[in-house]
């Protein structure tokens, strides 16, 4: 029993001495000791920088990347944002007008009622929708020409200015010719009604073309051909509906088929065929 107690005391004393020795060992002594130890049989510790570099080389989350189809077109984004801002300015204040506008495309009585009640101020939604239409249609034509890589197409604001000017000349020139023919054939009232319906169709079309040009510009597709073709089909459908409305308006006047052909086919179909011929 005494022998065990003496062994226990010796063990406690040895542990206390080892603690005191470990306290007195300096850092320099530890480095000298390590330098004399053969570490070839040990696995070297991984540095913190190596772990960070591996995490950076192999990220856990990979974000999708899409190459821009039209680099250097930030100005086009500004134009699209301007169209969105115009729409936002009329979204809630003129919701009832927008409802009647789309209803007038299929309901002739609604169109006549809007024509008789036409007393829009300068900043009415109708005129803002026309601005959106000319802007969105010009962007759509510009995107289409760049998509088919037309030989004269250039990705710059100057070229877009020519496209916008061509769109404005086409529509305002067509209106001027309609008014001139209406004066010559004494059909001013019918001509004004048809032009009012044409403006209504264009205003409605602006609310469809604006999302289309946004999708063409920012949709995650390498070549947004399907979206462009869909926009072209919608544009042609609206023009066919407008021709149908024009035939209905002119037949009320008991027009001859010659005048009807002169009014609609010459001024609506022929210019589009000429534009198609020039582009293709």
Protein backbone atom coordinates (compact mmCIF):
# COMPACT_ATOMS: atom_id res chain seq x y z
CA UNK A 1 0.00 0.00 0.00
CA UNK A 2 2.84 2.38 0.88
CA UNK A 3 4.60 1.50 -2.33
CA UNK A 4 1.53 2.43 -4.40
CA UNK A 5 1.18 5.76 -2.58
CA UNK A 6 4.85 6.57 -3.23
CA UNK A 7 4.45 5.72 -6.96
CA UNK A 8 1.40 7.98 -7.17
CA UNK A 9 3.30 10.89 -5.61
CA UNK A 10 6.21 10.40 -8.03
CA UNK A 11 3.78 10.44 -11.00
CA UNK A 12 2.15 13.72 -9.85
CA UNK A 13 5.56 15.29 -9.33
CA UNK A 14 6.74 14.28 -12.82
CA UNK A 15 3.62 15.78 -14.43
CA UNK A 16 4.14 19.07 -12.59
CA UNK A 17 7.75 19.23 -13.73
CA UNK A 18 6.73 18.63 -17.38
CA UNK A 19 4.20 21.48 -17.17
CA UNK A 20 6.84 23.83 -15.76
CA UNK A 21 9.31 22.81 -18.48
CA UNK A 22 6.70 23.40 -21.22
CA UNK A 23 6.07 26.90 -19.84
CA UNK A 24 9.78 27.77 -19.96
CA UNK A 25 10.28 26.61 -23.58
CA UNK A 26 10.50 29.58 -25.93
CA UNK A 27 9.31 29.82 -29.54
CA UNK A 28 12.88 29.92 -30.82
CA UNK A 29 13.63 26.65 -29.08
CA UNK A 30 10.59 25.06 -30.73
CA UNK A 31 11.78 26.20 -34.17
CA UNK A 32 15.27 24.81 -33.51
CA UNK A 33 13.76 21.53 -32.44
CA UNK A 34 11.63 21.30 -35.57
CA UNK A 35 14.61 22.04 -37.77
CA UNK A 36 16.46 18.98 -36.39
CA UNK A 37 13.47 16.67 -36.79
CA UNK A 38 13.15 14.67 -39.99
CA UNK A 39 9.72 15.54 -41.37
CA UNK A 40 9.94 13.36 -44.46
CA UNK A 41 7.66 10.80 -42.84
CA UNK A 42 4.99 13.38 -42.01
CA UNK A 43 2.20 14.82 -44.23
CA UNK A 44 2.79 18.56 -44.63
CA UNK A 45 -0.04 20.79 -43.44
CA UNK A 46 -2.14 22.56 -46.06
CA UNK A 47 -1.82 26.28 -46.10
CA UNK A 48 -4.90 28.46 -45.70
CA UNK A 49 -4.22 30.20 -49.01
CA UNK A 50 -4.21 26.86 -50.86
CA UNK A 51 -7.65 25.99 -49.50
CA UNK A 52 -9.02 29.41 -50.54
CA UNK A 53 -7.53 29.07 -54.03
CA UNK A 54 -9.18 25.68 -54.52
CA UNK A 55 -12.53 27.09 -53.47
CA UNK A 56 -12.12 29.91 -55.97
CA UNK A 57 -11.13 27.53 -58.79
CA UNK A 58 -14.08 25.18 -58.15
CA UNK A 59 -17.06 27.35 -57.12
CA UNK A 60 -20.07 25.58 -55.70
CA UNK A 61 -22.54 27.84 -57.59
CA UNK A 62 -22.18 28.47 -61.33
CA UNK A 63 -24.20 31.45 -62.65
CA UNK A 64 -25.54 31.31 -66.23
CA UNK A 65 -23.72 33.45 -68.77
CA UNK A 66 -25.13 34.73 -72.07
CA UNK A 67 -23.22 36.70 -74.66
CA UNK A 68 -24.89 39.95 -75.67
CA UNK A 69 -26.29 39.85 -79.19
CA UNK A 70 -25.94 43.59 -79.78
CA UNK A 71 -22.92 44.91 -77.86
CA UNK A 72 -22.66 48.68 -77.63
CA UNK A 73 -26.42 49.24 -77.65
CA UNK A 74 -26.91 50.77 -74.22
CA UNK A 75 -28.64 53.68 -75.96
CA UNK A 76 -31.24 51.17 -77.18
CA UNK A 77 -31.88 50.15 -73.57
CA UNK A 78 -32.52 53.81 -72.76
CA UNK A 79 -35.10 54.02 -75.58
CA UNK A 80 -36.84 50.87 -74.36
CA UNK A 81 -36.89 52.27 -70.82
CA UNK A 82 -38.45 55.49 -72.18
CA UNK A 83 -41.23 53.44 -73.80
CA UNK A 84 -41.84 51.60 -70.52
CA UNK A 85 -41.96 54.91 -68.65
CA UNK A 86 -44.58 56.26 -71.09
CA UNK A 87 -46.70 53.15 -70.62
CA UNK A 88 -46.37 53.40 -66.83
CA UNK A 89 -47.64 56.99 -67.00
CA UNK A 90 -50.95 55.83 -68.53
CA UNK A 91 -51.32 52.36 -66.99
CA UNK A 92 -53.57 53.35 -64.09
CA UNK A 93 -54.88 56.78 -65.05
CA UNK A 94 -56.29 55.61 -68.41
CA UNK A 95 -57.14 51.96 -67.76
CA UNK A 96 -60.71 52.48 -68.96
CA UNK A 97 -59.51 54.08 -72.21
CA UNK A 98 -57.14 51.15 -72.88
CA UNK A 99 -60.03 48.73 -72.33
CA UNK A 100 -62.21 50.59 -74.85
CA UNK A 101 -59.27 50.82 -77.24
CA UNK A 102 -58.89 47.04 -77.51
CA UNK A 103 -62.66 46.60 -77.58
CA UNK A 104 -62.89 48.95 -80.58
CA UNK A 105 -60.74 46.56 -82.63
CA UNK A 106 -63.61 44.07 -82.81
CA UNK A 107 -66.65 46.17 -81.92
CA UNK A 108 -67.47 48.78 -84.55
CA UNK A 109 -70.01 50.54 -82.32
CA UNK A 110 -67.31 51.20 -79.72
CA UNK A 111 -65.07 52.64 -82.42
CA UNK A 112 -67.83 55.01 -83.59
CA UNK A 113 -68.52 56.11 -80.02
CA UNK A 114 -64.83 56.86 -79.46
CA UNK A 115 -64.73 58.81 -82.73
CA UNK A 116 -67.70 60.98 -81.73
CA UNK A 117 -66.30 61.58 -78.25
CA UNK A 118 -62.85 62.45 -79.50
CA UNK A 119 -61.75 65.49 -77.50
CA UNK A 120 -58.36 64.38 -76.24
CA UNK A 121 -56.00 66.89 -74.62
CA UNK A 122 -52.43 67.14 -75.82
CA UNK A 123 -51.08 64.81 -73.11
CA UNK A 124 -53.86 62.22 -73.38
CA UNK A 125 -52.99 58.52 -73.38
CA UNK A 126 -53.80 58.30 -77.10
CA UNK A 127 -50.89 60.51 -78.10
CA UNK A 128 -48.50 58.81 -75.69
CA UNK A 129 -49.50 55.44 -77.14
CA UNK A 130 -48.72 56.75 -80.62
CA UNK A 131 -45.24 57.74 -79.45
CA UNK A 132 -44.78 54.25 -78.02
CA UNK A 133 -45.96 52.75 -81.32
CA UNK A 134 -43.54 54.67 -83.53
CA UNK A 135 -40.70 54.05 -81.08
CA UNK A 136 -41.43 50.32 -80.60
CA UNK A 137 -41.99 49.70 -84.32
CA UNK A 138 -38.72 51.44 -85.21
CA UNK A 139 -36.84 49.35 -82.64
CA UNK A 140 -38.53 46.20 -83.95
CA UNK A 141 -37.54 46.98 -87.56
CA UNK A 142 -34.02 47.84 -86.42
CA UNK A 143 -33.71 44.56 -84.51
CA UNK A 144 -35.09 42.60 -87.45
CA UNK A 145 -32.59 44.10 -89.91
CA UNK A 146 -29.71 43.33 -87.57
CA UNK A 147 -31.03 39.82 -87.00
CA UNK A 148 -31.05 38.98 -90.70
CA UNK A 149 -27.67 40.78 -91.02
CA UNK A 150 -28.85 43.07 -93.79
CA UNK A 151 -25.90 44.46 -95.74
CA UNK A 152 -26.63 48.09 -94.80
CA UNK A 153 -27.48 47.40 -91.16
CA UNK A 154 -25.22 49.07 -88.60
CA UNK A 155 -25.36 48.81 -84.83
CA UNK A 156 -25.27 52.52 -83.99
CA UNK A 157 -27.70 55.33 -83.11
CA UNK A 158 -27.31 56.98 -86.52
CA UNK A 159 -28.64 53.95 -88.35
CA UNK A 160 -31.54 53.71 -85.90
CA UNK A 161 -32.29 57.37 -86.60
CA UNK A 162 -32.69 56.54 -90.30
CA UNK A 163 -35.04 53.66 -89.41
CA UNK A 164 -37.13 55.92 -87.14
CA UNK A 165 -37.25 58.60 -89.84
CA UNK A 166 -38.38 56.04 -92.42
CA UNK A 167 -41.18 54.79 -90.16
CA UNK A 168 -42.43 58.33 -89.51
CA UNK A 169 -42.29 59.27 -93.21
CA UNK A 170 -44.18 56.11 -94.15
CA UNK A 171 -47.11 56.58 -91.75
CA UNK A 172 -47.46 60.36 -91.96
CA UNK A 173 -47.01 60.26 -95.72
CA UNK A 174 -49.72 57.62 -95.98
CA UNK A 175 -52.08 59.75 -93.88
CA UNK A 176 -51.41 62.74 -96.12
CA UNK A 177 -52.20 60.71 -99.25
CA UNK A 178 -55.42 59.41 -97.68
CA UNK A 179 -56.56 62.94 -96.81
CA UNK A 180 -55.72 64.13 -100.34
CA UNK A 181 -57.70 61.31 -101.96
CA UNK A 182 -60.59 61.89 -99.57
CA UNK A 183 -60.68 65.52 -100.64
CA UNK A 184 -60.57 64.62 -104.34
CA UNK A 185 -63.32 61.99 -104.13
CA UNK A 186 -65.42 63.93 -101.58
CA UNK A 187 -65.12 61.25 -98.93
CA UNK A 188 -63.58 63.33 -96.14
CA UNK A 189 -65.78 61.89 -93.37
CA UNK A 190 -65.12 58.28 -94.31
CA UNK A 191 -61.41 58.97 -94.72
CA UNK A 192 -61.16 60.60 -91.28
CA UNK A 193 -63.03 57.66 -89.75
CA UNK A 194 -60.69 55.20 -91.40
CA UNK A 195 -57.62 57.15 -90.25
CA UNK A 196 -59.04 57.25 -86.72
CA UNK A 197 -59.42 53.47 -86.78
CA UNK A 198 -55.89 53.15 -88.12
CA UNK A 199 -54.62 55.20 -85.18
CA UNK A 200 -56.58 53.00 -82.77
CA UNK A 201 -55.08 49.85 -84.27
CA UNK A 202 -51.59 51.33 -84.05
CA UNK A 203 -52.11 52.41 -80.44
CA UNK A 204 -53.26 48.92 -79.52
CA UNK A 205 -50.37 47.37 -81.40
CA UNK A 206 -47.91 49.51 -79.45
CA UNK A 207 -48.82 47.68 -76.23
CA UNK A 208 -47.94 44.37 -77.92
CA UNK A 209 -44.82 45.49 -79.77
CA UNK A 210 -43.23 46.94 -76.64
CA UNK A 211 -42.95 43.56 -74.81
CA UNK A 212 -41.76 41.94 -78.05
CA UNK A 213 -38.82 44.33 -78.53
CA UNK A 214 -37.94 43.85 -74.84
CA UNK A 215 -37.86 40.06 -75.32
CA UNK A 216 -35.78 40.35 -78.48
CA UNK A 217 -33.26 42.55 -76.66
CA UNK A 218 -33.02 40.69 -73.35
CA UNK A 219 -34.43 37.16 -73.77
CA UNK A 220 -31.85 34.39 -73.04
CA UNK A 221 -31.80 33.13 -76.61
CA UNK A 222 -28.82 33.11 -78.94
CA UNK A 223 -30.94 34.08 -81.95
CA UNK A 224 -34.46 35.29 -81.03
CA UNK A 225 -35.85 34.45 -84.47
CA UNK A 226 -39.05 32.93 -83.07
CA UNK A 227 -39.91 36.10 -81.12
CA UNK A 228 -39.22 38.29 -84.16
CA UNK A 229 -41.34 36.14 -86.45
CA UNK A 230 -44.15 36.16 -83.87
CA UNK A 231 -44.04 39.96 -83.78
CA UNK A 232 -44.17 40.11 -87.58
CA UNK A 233 -47.20 37.78 -87.66
CA UNK A 234 -49.01 39.91 -85.06
CA UNK A 235 -48.25 43.04 -87.10
CA UNK A 236 -49.72 41.44 -90.25
CA UNK A 237 -52.83 40.27 -88.35
CA UNK A 238 -53.47 43.81 -87.13
CA UNK A 239 -53.12 45.14 -90.67
CA UNK A 240 -55.58 42.56 -92.00
CA UNK A 241 -58.08 43.54 -89.31
CA UNK A 242 -57.58 47.18 -90.28
CA UNK A 243 -58.21 46.37 -93.95
CA UNK A 244 -61.40 44.59 -92.97
CA UNK A 245 -62.54 47.65 -91.01
CA UNK A 246 -61.63 49.90 -93.94
CA UNK A 247 -63.71 47.81 -96.37
CA UNK A 248 -66.67 48.01 -93.99
CA UNK A 249 -66.36 51.81 -93.66
CA UNK A 250 -66.03 52.45 -97.39
CA UNK A 251 -68.85 50.10 -98.35
CA UNK A 252 -71.22 52.20 -96.25
CA UNK A 253 -70.59 54.96 -98.79
CA UNK A 254 -71.47 52.49 -101.57
CA UNK A 255 -68.01 52.82 -103.08
CA UNK A 256 -67.25 51.20 -106.38
CA UNK A 257 -64.75 48.39 -106.39
CA UNK A 258 -62.30 50.61 -108.27
CA UNK A 259 -62.23 53.21 -105.48
CA UNK A 260 -62.03 50.48 -102.88
CA UNK A 261 -59.01 48.97 -104.61
CA UNK A 262 -57.40 52.40 -104.99
CA UNK A 263 -57.91 53.25 -101.32
CA UNK A 264 -56.88 50.03 -99.65
CA UNK A 265 -54.77 47.89 -101.94
CA UNK A 266 -52.71 50.74 -103.39
CA UNK A 267 -52.02 52.51 -100.08
CA UNK A 268 -51.83 49.53 -97.72
CA UNK A 269 -50.59 46.45 -99.58
CA UNK A 270 -48.39 47.95 -102.31
CA UNK A 271 -46.07 49.92 -99.97
CA UNK A 272 -45.51 46.84 -97.81
CA UNK A 273 -44.63 44.79 -100.91
CA UNK A 274 -42.18 47.46 -102.03
CA UNK A 275 -40.52 47.53 -98.59
CA UNK A 276 -40.26 43.74 -98.64
CA UNK A 277 -38.70 43.87 -102.10
CA UNK A 278 -36.11 46.43 -101.02
CA UNK A 279 -35.12 44.51 -97.88
CA UNK A 280 -35.04 41.02 -99.38
